[in-house]
mmCIF file of all heavy atoms, coordinates in Angstrom:
data_MODEL
# 
_entry.id   MODEL 
# 
loop_
_atom_site.group_PDB 
_atom_site.id 
_atom_site.type_symbol 
_atom_site.label_atom_id 
_atom_site.label_alt_id 
_atom_site.label_comp_id 
_atom_site.label_asym_id 
_atom_site.label_entity_id 
_atom_site.label_seq_id 
_atom_site.pdbx_PDB_ins_code 
_atom_site.Cartn_x 
_atom_site.Cartn_y 
_atom_site.Cartn_z 
_atom_site.occupancy 
_atom_site.B_iso_or_equiv 
_atom_site.pdbx_formal_charge 
_atom_site.auth_seq_id 
_atom_site.auth_comp_id 
_atom_site.auth_asym_id 
_atom_site.auth_atom_id 
_atom_site.pdbx_PDB_model_num 
ATOM 1   N N   . ARG A 1 1  ? 25.392 79.561 164.837 1.00 0.00 ? 1  ARG A N   1 
ATOM 2   C CA  . ARG A 1 1  ? 25.760 78.983 166.134 1.00 0.00 ? 1  ARG A CA  1 
ATOM 3   C C   . ARG A 1 1  ? 26.536 77.693 165.941 1.00 0.00 ? 1  ARG A C   1 
ATOM 4   O O   . ARG A 1 1  ? 26.254 76.664 166.551 1.00 0.00 ? 1  ARG A O   1 
ATOM 5   C CB  . ARG A 1 1  ? 24.501 78.761 166.969 1.00 0.00 ? 1  ARG A CB  1 
ATOM 6   C CG  . ARG A 1 1  ? 23.720 80.042 167.263 1.00 0.00 ? 1  ARG A CG  1 
ATOM 7   C CD  . ARG A 1 1  ? 22.362 79.761 167.869 1.00 0.00 ? 1  ARG A CD  1 
ATOM 8   N NE  . ARG A 1 1  ? 22.465 79.055 169.127 1.00 0.00 ? 1  ARG A NE  1 
ATOM 9   C CZ  . ARG A 1 1  ? 21.433 78.534 169.772 1.00 0.00 ? 1  ARG A CZ  1 
ATOM 10  N NH1 . ARG A 1 1  ? 20.212 78.640 169.252 1.00 0.00 ? 1  ARG A NH1 1 
ATOM 11  N NH2 . ARG A 1 1  ? 21.622 77.915 170.920 1.00 0.00 ? 1  ARG A NH2 1 
ATOM 12  N N   . LEU A 1 2  ? 27.538 77.772 165.095 1.00 0.00 ? 2  LEU A N   1 
ATOM 13  C CA  . LEU A 1 2  ? 28.326 76.592 164.757 1.00 0.00 ? 2  LEU A CA  1 
ATOM 14  C C   . LEU A 1 2  ? 29.092 76.063 165.960 1.00 0.00 ? 2  LEU A C   1 
ATOM 15  O O   . LEU A 1 2  ? 29.533 76.823 166.827 1.00 0.00 ? 2  LEU A O   1 
ATOM 16  C CB  . LEU A 1 2  ? 29.289 76.917 163.623 1.00 0.00 ? 2  LEU A CB  1 
ATOM 17  C CG  . LEU A 1 2  ? 28.631 76.996 162.241 1.00 0.00 ? 2  LEU A CG  1 
ATOM 18  C CD1 . LEU A 1 2  ? 29.511 77.771 161.269 1.00 0.00 ? 2  LEU A CD1 1 
ATOM 19  C CD2 . LEU A 1 2  ? 28.345 75.591 161.715 1.00 0.00 ? 2  LEU A CD2 1 
ATOM 20  N N   . LYS A 1 3  ? 29.241 74.751 165.983 1.00 0.00 ? 3  LYS A N   1 
ATOM 21  C CA  . LYS A 1 3  ? 29.931 74.049 167.051 1.00 0.00 ? 3  LYS A CA  1 
ATOM 22  C C   . LYS A 1 3  ? 31.108 73.267 166.476 1.00 0.00 ? 3  LYS A C   1 
ATOM 23  O O   . LYS A 1 3  ? 31.091 72.900 165.301 1.00 0.00 ? 3  LYS A O   1 
ATOM 24  C CB  . LYS A 1 3  ? 28.980 73.078 167.762 1.00 0.00 ? 3  LYS A CB  1 
ATOM 25  C CG  . LYS A 1 3  ? 27.711 73.716 168.302 1.00 0.00 ? 3  LYS A CG  1 
ATOM 26  C CD  . LYS A 1 3  ? 26.778 72.657 168.860 1.00 0.00 ? 3  LYS A CD  1 
ATOM 27  C CE  . LYS A 1 3  ? 25.499 73.268 169.395 1.00 0.00 ? 3  LYS A CE  1 
ATOM 28  N NZ  . LYS A 1 3  ? 24.577 72.234 169.930 1.00 0.00 ? 3  LYS A NZ  1 
ATOM 29  N N   . PRO A 1 4  ? 32.123 72.976 167.288 1.00 0.00 ? 4  PRO A N   1 
ATOM 30  C CA  . PRO A 1 4  ? 33.253 72.190 166.789 1.00 0.00 ? 4  PRO A CA  1 
ATOM 31  C C   . PRO A 1 4  ? 32.820 70.859 166.175 1.00 0.00 ? 4  PRO A C   1 
ATOM 32  O O   . PRO A 1 4  ? 33.443 70.409 165.206 1.00 0.00 ? 4  PRO A O   1 
ATOM 33  C CB  . PRO A 1 4  ? 34.103 71.968 168.042 1.00 0.00 ? 4  PRO A CB  1 
ATOM 34  C CG  . PRO A 1 4  ? 33.842 73.191 168.864 1.00 0.00 ? 4  PRO A CG  1 
ATOM 35  C CD  . PRO A 1 4  ? 32.371 73.467 168.651 1.00 0.00 ? 4  PRO A CD  1 
ATOM 36  N N   . GLU A 1 5  ? 31.768 70.243 166.690 1.00 0.00 ? 5  GLU A N   1 
ATOM 37  C CA  . GLU A 1 5  ? 31.310 68.976 166.148 1.00 0.00 ? 5  GLU A CA  1 
ATOM 38  C C   . GLU A 1 5  ? 30.659 69.107 164.774 1.00 0.00 ? 5  GLU A C   1 
ATOM 39  O O   . GLU A 1 5  ? 30.338 68.101 164.142 1.00 0.00 ? 5  GLU A O   1 
ATOM 40  C CB  . GLU A 1 5  ? 30.344 68.275 167.119 1.00 0.00 ? 5  GLU A CB  1 
ATOM 41  C CG  . GLU A 1 5  ? 29.215 69.153 167.601 1.00 0.00 ? 5  GLU A CG  1 
ATOM 42  C CD  . GLU A 1 5  ? 29.499 69.768 168.968 1.00 0.00 ? 5  GLU A CD  1 
ATOM 43  O OE1 . GLU A 1 5  ? 30.626 70.259 169.177 1.00 0.00 ? 5  GLU A OE1 1 
ATOM 44  O OE2 . GLU A 1 5  ? 28.590 69.749 169.824 1.00 0.00 ? 5  GLU A OE2 1 
ATOM 45  N N   . ASP A 1 6  ? 30.466 70.331 164.302 1.00 0.00 ? 6  ASP A N   1 
ATOM 46  C CA  . ASP A 1 6  ? 29.975 70.550 162.944 1.00 0.00 ? 6  ASP A CA  1 
ATOM 47  C C   . ASP A 1 6  ? 31.103 70.461 161.916 1.00 0.00 ? 6  ASP A C   1 
ATOM 48  O O   . ASP A 1 6  ? 30.844 70.487 160.709 1.00 0.00 ? 6  ASP A O   1 
ATOM 49  C CB  . ASP A 1 6  ? 29.296 71.916 162.821 1.00 0.00 ? 6  ASP A CB  1 
ATOM 50  C CG  . ASP A 1 6  ? 28.028 72.025 163.641 1.00 0.00 ? 6  ASP A CG  1 
ATOM 51  O OD1 . ASP A 1 6  ? 27.244 71.058 163.664 1.00 0.00 ? 6  ASP A OD1 1 
ATOM 52  O OD2 . ASP A 1 6  ? 27.815 73.091 164.259 1.00 0.00 ? 6  ASP A OD2 1 
ATOM 53  N N   . THR A 1 7  ? 32.337 70.385 162.387 1.00 0.00 ? 7  THR A N   1 
ATOM 54  C CA  . THR A 1 7  ? 33.485 70.318 161.487 1.00 0.00 ? 7  THR A CA  1 
ATOM 55  C C   . THR A 1 7  ? 33.398 69.079 160.603 1.00 0.00 ? 7  THR A C   1 
ATOM 56  O O   . THR A 1 7  ? 33.272 67.955 161.097 1.00 0.00 ? 7  THR A O   1 
ATOM 57  C CB  . THR A 1 7  ? 34.793 70.301 162.281 1.00 0.00 ? 7  THR A CB  1 
ATOM 58  O OG1 . THR A 1 7  ? 34.946 71.540 162.978 1.00 0.00 ? 7  THR A OG1 1 
ATOM 59  C CG2 . THR A 1 7  ? 35.988 70.104 161.357 1.00 0.00 ? 7  THR A CG2 1 
ATOM 60  N N   . ALA A 1 8  ? 33.467 69.281 159.300 1.00 0.00 ? 8  ALA A N   1 
ATOM 61  C CA  . ALA A 1 8  ? 33.349 68.186 158.343 1.00 0.00 ? 8  ALA A CA  1 
ATOM 62  C C   . ALA A 1 8  ? 33.468 68.742 156.936 1.00 0.00 ? 8  ALA A C   1 
ATOM 63  O O   . ALA A 1 8  ? 33.485 69.957 156.728 1.00 0.00 ? 8  ALA A O   1 
ATOM 64  C CB  . ALA A 1 8  ? 32.003 67.469 158.503 1.00 0.00 ? 8  ALA A CB  1 
ATOM 65  N N   . ILE A 1 9  ? 33.541 67.840 155.980 1.00 0.00 ? 9  ILE A N   1 
ATOM 66  C CA  . ILE A 1 9  ? 33.378 68.228 154.591 1.00 0.00 ? 9  ILE A CA  1 
ATOM 67  C C   . ILE A 1 9  ? 31.891 68.141 154.283 1.00 0.00 ? 9  ILE A C   1 
ATOM 68  O O   . ILE A 1 9  ? 31.261 67.118 154.552 1.00 0.00 ? 9  ILE A O   1 
ATOM 69  C CB  . ILE A 1 9  ? 34.172 67.313 153.638 1.00 0.00 ? 9  ILE A CB  1 
ATOM 70  C CG1 . ILE A 1 9  ? 35.662 67.389 153.952 1.00 0.00 ? 9  ILE A CG1 1 
ATOM 71  C CG2 . ILE A 1 9  ? 33.927 67.718 152.192 1.00 0.00 ? 9  ILE A CG2 1 
ATOM 72  C CD1 . ILE A 1 9  ? 36.509 66.437 153.126 1.00 0.00 ? 9  ILE A CD1 1 
ATOM 73  N N   . TYR A 1 10 ? 31.353 69.200 153.737 1.00 0.00 ? 10 TYR A N   1 
ATOM 74  C CA  . TYR A 1 10 ? 29.930 69.263 153.430 1.00 0.00 ? 10 TYR A CA  1 
ATOM 75  C C   . TYR A 1 10 ? 29.713 69.067 151.935 1.00 0.00 ? 10 TYR A C   1 
ATOM 76  O O   . TYR A 1 10 ? 30.380 69.691 151.108 1.00 0.00 ? 10 TYR A O   1 
ATOM 77  C CB  . TYR A 1 10 ? 29.340 70.596 153.878 1.00 0.00 ? 10 TYR A CB  1 
ATOM 78  C CG  . TYR A 1 10 ? 29.119 70.672 155.368 1.00 0.00 ? 10 TYR A CG  1 
ATOM 79  C CD1 . TYR A 1 10 ? 30.195 70.730 156.251 1.00 0.00 ? 10 TYR A CD1 1 
ATOM 80  C CD2 . TYR A 1 10 ? 27.826 70.670 155.903 1.00 0.00 ? 10 TYR A CD2 1 
ATOM 81  C CE1 . TYR A 1 10 ? 29.997 70.775 157.616 1.00 0.00 ? 10 TYR A CE1 1 
ATOM 82  C CE2 . TYR A 1 10 ? 27.614 70.723 157.275 1.00 0.00 ? 10 TYR A CE2 1 
ATOM 83  C CZ  . TYR A 1 10 ? 28.708 70.771 158.128 1.00 0.00 ? 10 TYR A CZ  1 
ATOM 84  O OH  . TYR A 1 10 ? 28.511 70.827 159.490 1.00 0.00 ? 10 TYR A OH  1 
ATOM 85  N N   . TYR A 1 11 ? 28.774 68.197 151.597 1.00 0.00 ? 11 TYR A N   1 
ATOM 86  C CA  . TYR A 1 11 ? 28.458 67.877 150.217 1.00 0.00 ? 11 TYR A CA  1 
ATOM 87  C C   . TYR A 1 11 ? 26.990 68.172 149.932 1.00 0.00 ? 11 TYR A C   1 
ATOM 88  O O   . TYR A 1 11 ? 26.127 67.915 150.773 1.00 0.00 ? 11 TYR A O   1 
ATOM 89  C CB  . TYR A 1 11 ? 28.687 66.394 149.925 1.00 0.00 ? 11 TYR A CB  1 
ATOM 90  C CG  . TYR A 1 11 ? 30.091 65.896 150.153 1.00 0.00 ? 11 TYR A CG  1 
ATOM 91  C CD1 . TYR A 1 11 ? 30.498 65.439 151.405 1.00 0.00 ? 11 TYR A CD1 1 
ATOM 92  C CD2 . TYR A 1 11 ? 31.003 65.853 149.104 1.00 0.00 ? 11 TYR A CD2 1 
ATOM 93  C CE1 . TYR A 1 11 ? 31.781 64.960 151.608 1.00 0.00 ? 11 TYR A CE1 1 
ATOM 94  C CE2 . TYR A 1 11 ? 32.289 65.370 149.305 1.00 0.00 ? 11 TYR A CE2 1 
ATOM 95  C CZ  . TYR A 1 11 ? 32.667 64.925 150.559 1.00 0.00 ? 11 TYR A CZ  1 
ATOM 96  O OH  . TYR A 1 11 ? 33.940 64.445 150.760 1.00 0.00 ? 11 TYR A OH  1 
ATOM 97  N N   . CYS A 1 12 ? 26.704 68.673 148.747 1.00 0.00 ? 12 CYS A N   1 
ATOM 98  C CA  . CYS A 1 12 ? 25.319 68.735 148.317 1.00 0.00 ? 12 CYS A CA  1 
ATOM 99  C C   . CYS A 1 12 ? 25.074 67.601 147.338 1.00 0.00 ? 12 CYS A C   1 
ATOM 100 O O   . CYS A 1 12 ? 25.997 67.096 146.694 1.00 0.00 ? 12 CYS A O   1 
ATOM 101 C CB  . CYS A 1 12 ? 24.961 70.094 147.695 1.00 0.00 ? 12 CYS A CB  1 
ATOM 102 S SG  . CYS A 1 12 ? 25.764 70.473 146.122 1.00 0.00 ? 12 CYS A SG  1 
ATOM 103 N N   . ALA A 1 13 ? 23.824 67.172 147.248 1.00 0.00 ? 13 ALA A N   1 
ATOM 104 C CA  . ALA A 1 13 ? 23.477 66.030 146.418 1.00 0.00 ? 13 ALA A CA  1 
ATOM 105 C C   . ALA A 1 13 ? 22.057 66.170 145.891 1.00 0.00 ? 13 ALA A C   1 
ATOM 106 O O   . ALA A 1 13 ? 21.233 66.866 146.486 1.00 0.00 ? 13 ALA A O   1 
ATOM 107 C CB  . ALA A 1 13 ? 23.620 64.735 147.217 1.00 0.00 ? 13 ALA A CB  1 
ATOM 108 N N   . ALA A 1 14 ? 21.786 65.489 144.788 1.00 0.00 ? 14 ALA A N   1 
ATOM 109 C CA  . ALA A 1 14 ? 20.470 65.508 144.162 1.00 0.00 ? 14 ALA A CA  1 
ATOM 110 C C   . ALA A 1 14 ? 19.941 64.091 144.031 1.00 0.00 ? 14 ALA A C   1 
ATOM 111 O O   . ALA A 1 14 ? 20.682 63.174 143.668 1.00 0.00 ? 14 ALA A O   1 
ATOM 112 C CB  . ALA A 1 14 ? 20.543 66.171 142.787 1.00 0.00 ? 14 ALA A CB  1 
ATOM 113 N N   . SER A 1 15 ? 18.645 63.914 144.314 1.00 0.00 ? 15 SER A N   1 
ATOM 114 C CA  . SER A 1 15 ? 18.035 62.599 144.285 1.00 0.00 ? 15 SER A CA  1 
ATOM 115 C C   . SER A 1 15 ? 16.750 62.595 143.459 1.00 0.00 ? 15 SER A C   1 
ATOM 116 O O   . SER A 1 15 ? 15.939 63.515 143.579 1.00 0.00 ? 15 SER A O   1 
ATOM 117 C CB  . SER A 1 15 ? 17.711 62.128 145.703 1.00 0.00 ? 15 SER A CB  1 
ATOM 118 O OG  . SER A 1 15 ? 17.002 60.904 145.685 1.00 0.00 ? 15 SER A OG  1 
ATOM 119 N N   . PRO A 1 16 ? 16.547 61.564 142.632 1.00 0.00 ? 16 PRO A N   1 
ATOM 120 C CA  . PRO A 1 16 ? 15.307 61.432 141.870 1.00 0.00 ? 16 PRO A CA  1 
ATOM 121 C C   . PRO A 1 16 ? 14.238 60.615 142.592 1.00 0.00 ? 16 PRO A C   1 
ATOM 122 O O   . PRO A 1 16 ? 13.168 60.387 142.044 1.00 0.00 ? 16 PRO A O   1 
ATOM 123 C CB  . PRO A 1 16 ? 15.777 60.698 140.609 1.00 0.00 ? 16 PRO A CB  1 
ATOM 124 C CG  . PRO A 1 16 ? 16.822 59.765 141.143 1.00 0.00 ? 16 PRO A CG  1 
ATOM 125 C CD  . PRO A 1 16 ? 17.523 60.529 142.243 1.00 0.00 ? 16 PRO A CD  1 
ATOM 126 N N   . ARG A 1 17 ? 14.527 60.186 143.818 1.00 0.00 ? 17 ARG A N   1 
ATOM 127 C CA  . ARG A 1 17 ? 13.586 59.343 144.542 1.00 0.00 ? 17 ARG A CA  1 
ATOM 128 C C   . ARG A 1 17 ? 12.292 60.079 144.871 1.00 0.00 ? 17 ARG A C   1 
ATOM 129 O O   . ARG A 1 17 ? 12.301 61.290 145.137 1.00 0.00 ? 17 ARG A O   1 
ATOM 130 C CB  . ARG A 1 17 ? 14.207 58.823 145.837 1.00 0.00 ? 17 ARG A CB  1 
ATOM 131 C CG  . ARG A 1 17 ? 15.522 58.086 145.656 1.00 0.00 ? 17 ARG A CG  1 
ATOM 132 C CD  . ARG A 1 17 ? 15.326 56.791 144.899 1.00 0.00 ? 17 ARG A CD  1 
ATOM 133 N NE  . ARG A 1 17 ? 16.585 56.045 144.807 1.00 0.00 ? 17 ARG A NE  1 
ATOM 134 C CZ  . ARG A 1 17 ? 16.948 55.084 145.635 1.00 0.00 ? 17 ARG A CZ  1 
ATOM 135 N NH1 . ARG A 1 17 ? 16.142 54.726 146.638 1.00 0.00 ? 17 ARG A NH1 1 
ATOM 136 N NH2 . ARG A 1 17 ? 18.105 54.469 145.478 1.00 0.00 ? 17 ARG A NH2 1 
ATOM 137 N N   . ALA A 1 18 ? 11.204 59.348 144.883 1.00 0.00 ? 18 ALA A N   1 
ATOM 138 C CA  . ALA A 1 18 ? 9.898  59.922 145.195 1.00 0.00 ? 18 ALA A CA  1 
ATOM 139 C C   . ALA A 1 18 ? 9.656  59.992 146.699 1.00 0.00 ? 18 ALA A C   1 
ATOM 140 O O   . ALA A 1 18 ? 8.902  60.841 147.175 1.00 0.00 ? 18 ALA A O   1 
ATOM 141 C CB  . ALA A 1 18 ? 8.793  59.121 144.521 1.00 0.00 ? 18 ALA A CB  1 
ATOM 142 N N   . LEU A 1 19 ? 10.283 59.080 147.444 1.00 0.00 ? 19 LEU A N   1 
ATOM 143 C CA  . LEU A 1 19 ? 10.171 59.066 148.896 1.00 0.00 ? 19 LEU A CA  1 
ATOM 144 C C   . LEU A 1 19 ? 11.385 59.740 149.496 1.00 0.00 ? 19 LEU A C   1 
ATOM 145 O O   . LEU A 1 19 ? 12.469 59.708 148.928 1.00 0.00 ? 19 LEU A O   1 
ATOM 146 C CB  . LEU A 1 19 ? 10.044 57.629 149.410 1.00 0.00 ? 19 LEU A CB  1 
ATOM 147 C CG  . LEU A 1 19 ? 8.850  56.834 148.895 1.00 0.00 ? 19 LEU A CG  1 
ATOM 148 C CD1 . LEU A 1 19 ? 8.868  55.421 149.474 1.00 0.00 ? 19 LEU A CD1 1 
ATOM 149 C CD2 . LEU A 1 19 ? 7.546  57.525 149.249 1.00 0.00 ? 19 LEU A CD2 1 
ATOM 150 N N   . LEU A 1 20 ? 11.204 60.335 150.667 1.00 0.00 ? 20 LEU A N   1 
ATOM 151 C CA  . LEU A 1 20 ? 12.270 61.089 151.315 1.00 0.00 ? 20 LEU A CA  1 
ATOM 152 C C   . LEU A 1 20 ? 13.549 60.260 151.398 1.00 0.00 ? 20 LEU A C   1 
ATOM 153 O O   . LEU A 1 20 ? 13.591 59.235 152.073 1.00 0.00 ? 20 LEU A O   1 
ATOM 154 C CB  . LEU A 1 20 ? 11.825 61.513 152.710 1.00 0.00 ? 20 LEU A CB  1 
ATOM 155 C CG  . LEU A 1 20 ? 12.842 62.288 153.533 1.00 0.00 ? 20 LEU A CG  1 
ATOM 156 C CD1 . LEU A 1 20 ? 13.143 63.635 152.876 1.00 0.00 ? 20 LEU A CD1 1 
ATOM 157 C CD2 . LEU A 1 20 ? 12.317 62.492 154.954 1.00 0.00 ? 20 LEU A CD2 1 
ATOM 158 N N   . PRO A 1 21 ? 14.625 60.718 150.750 1.00 0.00 ? 21 PRO A N   1 
ATOM 159 C CA  . PRO A 1 21 ? 15.891 59.982 150.766 1.00 0.00 ? 21 PRO A CA  1 
ATOM 160 C C   . PRO A 1 21 ? 16.809 60.501 151.869 1.00 0.00 ? 21 PRO A C   1 
ATOM 161 O O   . PRO A 1 21 ? 17.264 61.643 151.817 1.00 0.00 ? 21 PRO A O   1 
ATOM 162 C CB  . PRO A 1 21 ? 16.465 60.269 149.375 1.00 0.00 ? 21 PRO A CB  1 
ATOM 163 C CG  . PRO A 1 21 ? 15.950 61.643 149.050 1.00 0.00 ? 21 PRO A CG  1 
ATOM 164 C CD  . PRO A 1 21 ? 14.631 61.806 149.775 1.00 0.00 ? 21 PRO A CD  1 
ATOM 165 N N   . MET A 1 22 ? 17.078 59.657 152.849 1.00 0.00 ? 22 MET A N   1 
ATOM 166 C CA  . MET A 1 22 ? 17.895 60.069 153.975 1.00 0.00 ? 22 MET A CA  1 
ATOM 167 C C   . MET A 1 22 ? 19.281 59.428 153.974 1.00 0.00 ? 22 MET A C   1 
ATOM 168 O O   . MET A 1 22 ? 20.107 59.770 154.814 1.00 0.00 ? 22 MET A O   1 
ATOM 169 C CB  . MET A 1 22 ? 17.180 59.758 155.295 1.00 0.00 ? 22 MET A CB  1 
ATOM 170 C CG  . MET A 1 22 ? 15.845 60.488 155.449 1.00 0.00 ? 22 MET A CG  1 
ATOM 171 S SD  . MET A 1 22 ? 15.047 60.184 157.037 1.00 0.00 ? 22 MET A SD  1 
ATOM 172 C CE  . MET A 1 22 ? 16.180 61.027 158.150 1.00 0.00 ? 22 MET A CE  1 
ATOM 173 N N   . ASN A 1 23 ? 19.519 58.532 153.037 1.00 0.00 ? 23 ASN A N   1 
ATOM 174 C CA  . ASN A 1 23 ? 20.789 57.840 152.951 1.00 0.00 ? 23 ASN A CA  1 
ATOM 175 C C   . ASN A 1 23 ? 21.568 58.283 151.724 1.00 0.00 ? 23 ASN A C   1 
ATOM 176 O O   . ASN A 1 23 ? 20.984 58.531 150.677 1.00 0.00 ? 23 ASN A O   1 
ATOM 177 C CB  . ASN A 1 23 ? 20.592 56.332 152.914 1.00 0.00 ? 23 ASN A CB  1 
ATOM 178 C CG  . ASN A 1 23 ? 19.887 55.798 154.142 1.00 0.00 ? 23 ASN A CG  1 
ATOM 179 O OD1 . ASN A 1 23 ? 18.827 55.189 154.048 1.00 0.00 ? 23 ASN A OD1 1 
ATOM 180 N ND2 . ASN A 1 23 ? 20.472 56.019 155.302 1.00 0.00 ? 23 ASN A ND2 1 
ATOM 181 N N   . PRO A 1 24 ? 22.886 58.367 151.827 1.00 0.00 ? 24 PRO A N   1 
ATOM 182 C CA  . PRO A 1 24 ? 23.702 58.783 150.691 1.00 0.00 ? 24 PRO A CA  1 
ATOM 183 C C   . PRO A 1 24 ? 23.488 57.947 149.438 1.00 0.00 ? 24 PRO A C   1 
ATOM 184 O O   . PRO A 1 24 ? 23.547 58.485 148.328 1.00 0.00 ? 24 PRO A O   1 
ATOM 185 C CB  . PRO A 1 24 ? 25.142 58.630 151.215 1.00 0.00 ? 24 PRO A CB  1 
ATOM 186 C CG  . PRO A 1 24 ? 25.015 58.842 152.684 1.00 0.00 ? 24 PRO A CG  1 
ATOM 187 C CD  . PRO A 1 24 ? 23.703 58.188 153.046 1.00 0.00 ? 24 PRO A CD  1 
ATOM 188 N N   . ASN A 1 25 ? 23.212 56.648 149.594 1.00 0.00 ? 25 ASN A N   1 
ATOM 189 C CA  . ASN A 1 25 ? 23.063 55.789 148.425 1.00 0.00 ? 25 ASN A CA  1 
ATOM 190 C C   . ASN A 1 25 ? 21.772 56.040 147.659 1.00 0.00 ? 25 ASN A C   1 
ATOM 191 O O   . ASN A 1 25 ? 21.544 55.439 146.611 1.00 0.00 ? 25 ASN A O   1 
ATOM 192 C CB  . ASN A 1 25 ? 23.180 54.308 148.794 1.00 0.00 ? 25 ASN A CB  1 
ATOM 193 C CG  . ASN A 1 25 ? 22.129 53.856 149.791 1.00 0.00 ? 25 ASN A CG  1 
ATOM 194 O OD1 . ASN A 1 25 ? 21.164 54.568 150.078 1.00 0.00 ? 25 ASN A OD1 1 
ATOM 195 N ND2 . ASN A 1 25 ? 22.302 52.661 150.326 1.00 0.00 ? 25 ASN A ND2 1 
ATOM 196 N N   . GLU A 1 26 ? 20.927 56.924 148.158 1.00 0.00 ? 26 GLU A N   1 
ATOM 197 C CA  . GLU A 1 26 ? 19.702 57.287 147.466 1.00 0.00 ? 26 GLU A CA  1 
ATOM 198 C C   . GLU A 1 26 ? 19.875 58.538 146.612 1.00 0.00 ? 26 GLU A C   1 
ATOM 199 O O   . GLU A 1 26 ? 18.908 59.012 146.015 1.00 0.00 ? 26 GLU A O   1 
ATOM 200 C CB  . GLU A 1 26 ? 18.567 57.485 148.473 1.00 0.00 ? 26 GLU A CB  1 
ATOM 201 C CG  . GLU A 1 26 ? 18.211 56.225 149.247 1.00 0.00 ? 26 GLU A CG  1 
ATOM 202 C CD  . GLU A 1 26 ? 17.118 56.473 150.276 1.00 0.00 ? 26 GLU A CD  1 
ATOM 203 O OE1 . GLU A 1 26 ? 17.439 56.954 151.381 1.00 0.00 ? 26 GLU A OE1 1 
ATOM 204 O OE2 . GLU A 1 26 ? 15.937 56.194 149.968 1.00 0.00 ? 26 GLU A OE2 1 
ATOM 205 N N   . TYR A 1 27 ? 21.083 59.054 146.547 1.00 0.00 ? 27 TYR A N   1 
ATOM 206 C CA  . TYR A 1 27 ? 21.382 60.230 145.746 1.00 0.00 ? 27 TYR A CA  1 
ATOM 207 C C   . TYR A 1 27 ? 22.287 59.847 144.588 1.00 0.00 ? 27 TYR A C   1 
ATOM 208 O O   . TYR A 1 27 ? 23.254 59.098 144.761 1.00 0.00 ? 27 TYR A O   1 
ATOM 209 C CB  . TYR A 1 27 ? 22.042 61.313 146.607 1.00 0.00 ? 27 TYR A CB  1 
ATOM 210 C CG  . TYR A 1 27 ? 21.080 61.935 147.590 1.00 0.00 ? 27 TYR A CG  1 
ATOM 211 C CD1 . TYR A 1 27 ? 20.714 61.260 148.746 1.00 0.00 ? 27 TYR A CD1 1 
ATOM 212 C CD2 . TYR A 1 27 ? 20.517 63.184 147.344 1.00 0.00 ? 27 TYR A CD2 1 
ATOM 213 C CE1 . TYR A 1 27 ? 19.802 61.815 149.637 1.00 0.00 ? 27 TYR A CE1 1 
ATOM 214 C CE2 . TYR A 1 27 ? 19.621 63.749 148.226 1.00 0.00 ? 27 TYR A CE2 1 
ATOM 215 C CZ  . TYR A 1 27 ? 19.258 63.057 149.377 1.00 0.00 ? 27 TYR A CZ  1 
ATOM 216 O OH  . TYR A 1 27 ? 18.365 63.620 150.253 1.00 0.00 ? 27 TYR A OH  1 
ATOM 217 N N   . ASP A 1 28 ? 21.980 60.372 143.411 1.00 0.00 ? 28 ASP A N   1 
ATOM 218 C CA  . ASP A 1 28 ? 22.709 60.001 142.206 1.00 0.00 ? 28 ASP A CA  1 
ATOM 219 C C   . ASP A 1 28 ? 23.821 60.979 141.837 1.00 0.00 ? 28 ASP A C   1 
ATOM 220 O O   . ASP A 1 28 ? 24.752 60.604 141.130 1.00 0.00 ? 28 ASP A O   1 
ATOM 221 C CB  . ASP A 1 28 ? 21.746 59.883 141.021 1.00 0.00 ? 28 ASP A CB  1 
ATOM 222 C CG  . ASP A 1 28 ? 20.789 58.714 141.152 1.00 0.00 ? 28 ASP A CG  1 
ATOM 223 O OD1 . ASP A 1 28 ? 21.073 57.789 141.938 1.00 0.00 ? 28 ASP A OD1 1 
ATOM 224 O OD2 . ASP A 1 28 ? 19.753 58.715 140.458 1.00 0.00 ? 28 ASP A OD2 1 
# 
């Protein structure tokens, strides 16, 4: 059910943090 506002470049990332990382700077 994609919407026009979903348009973007999508990135996957991996994080070693123990607490839920919700910010890009928490991913290495």
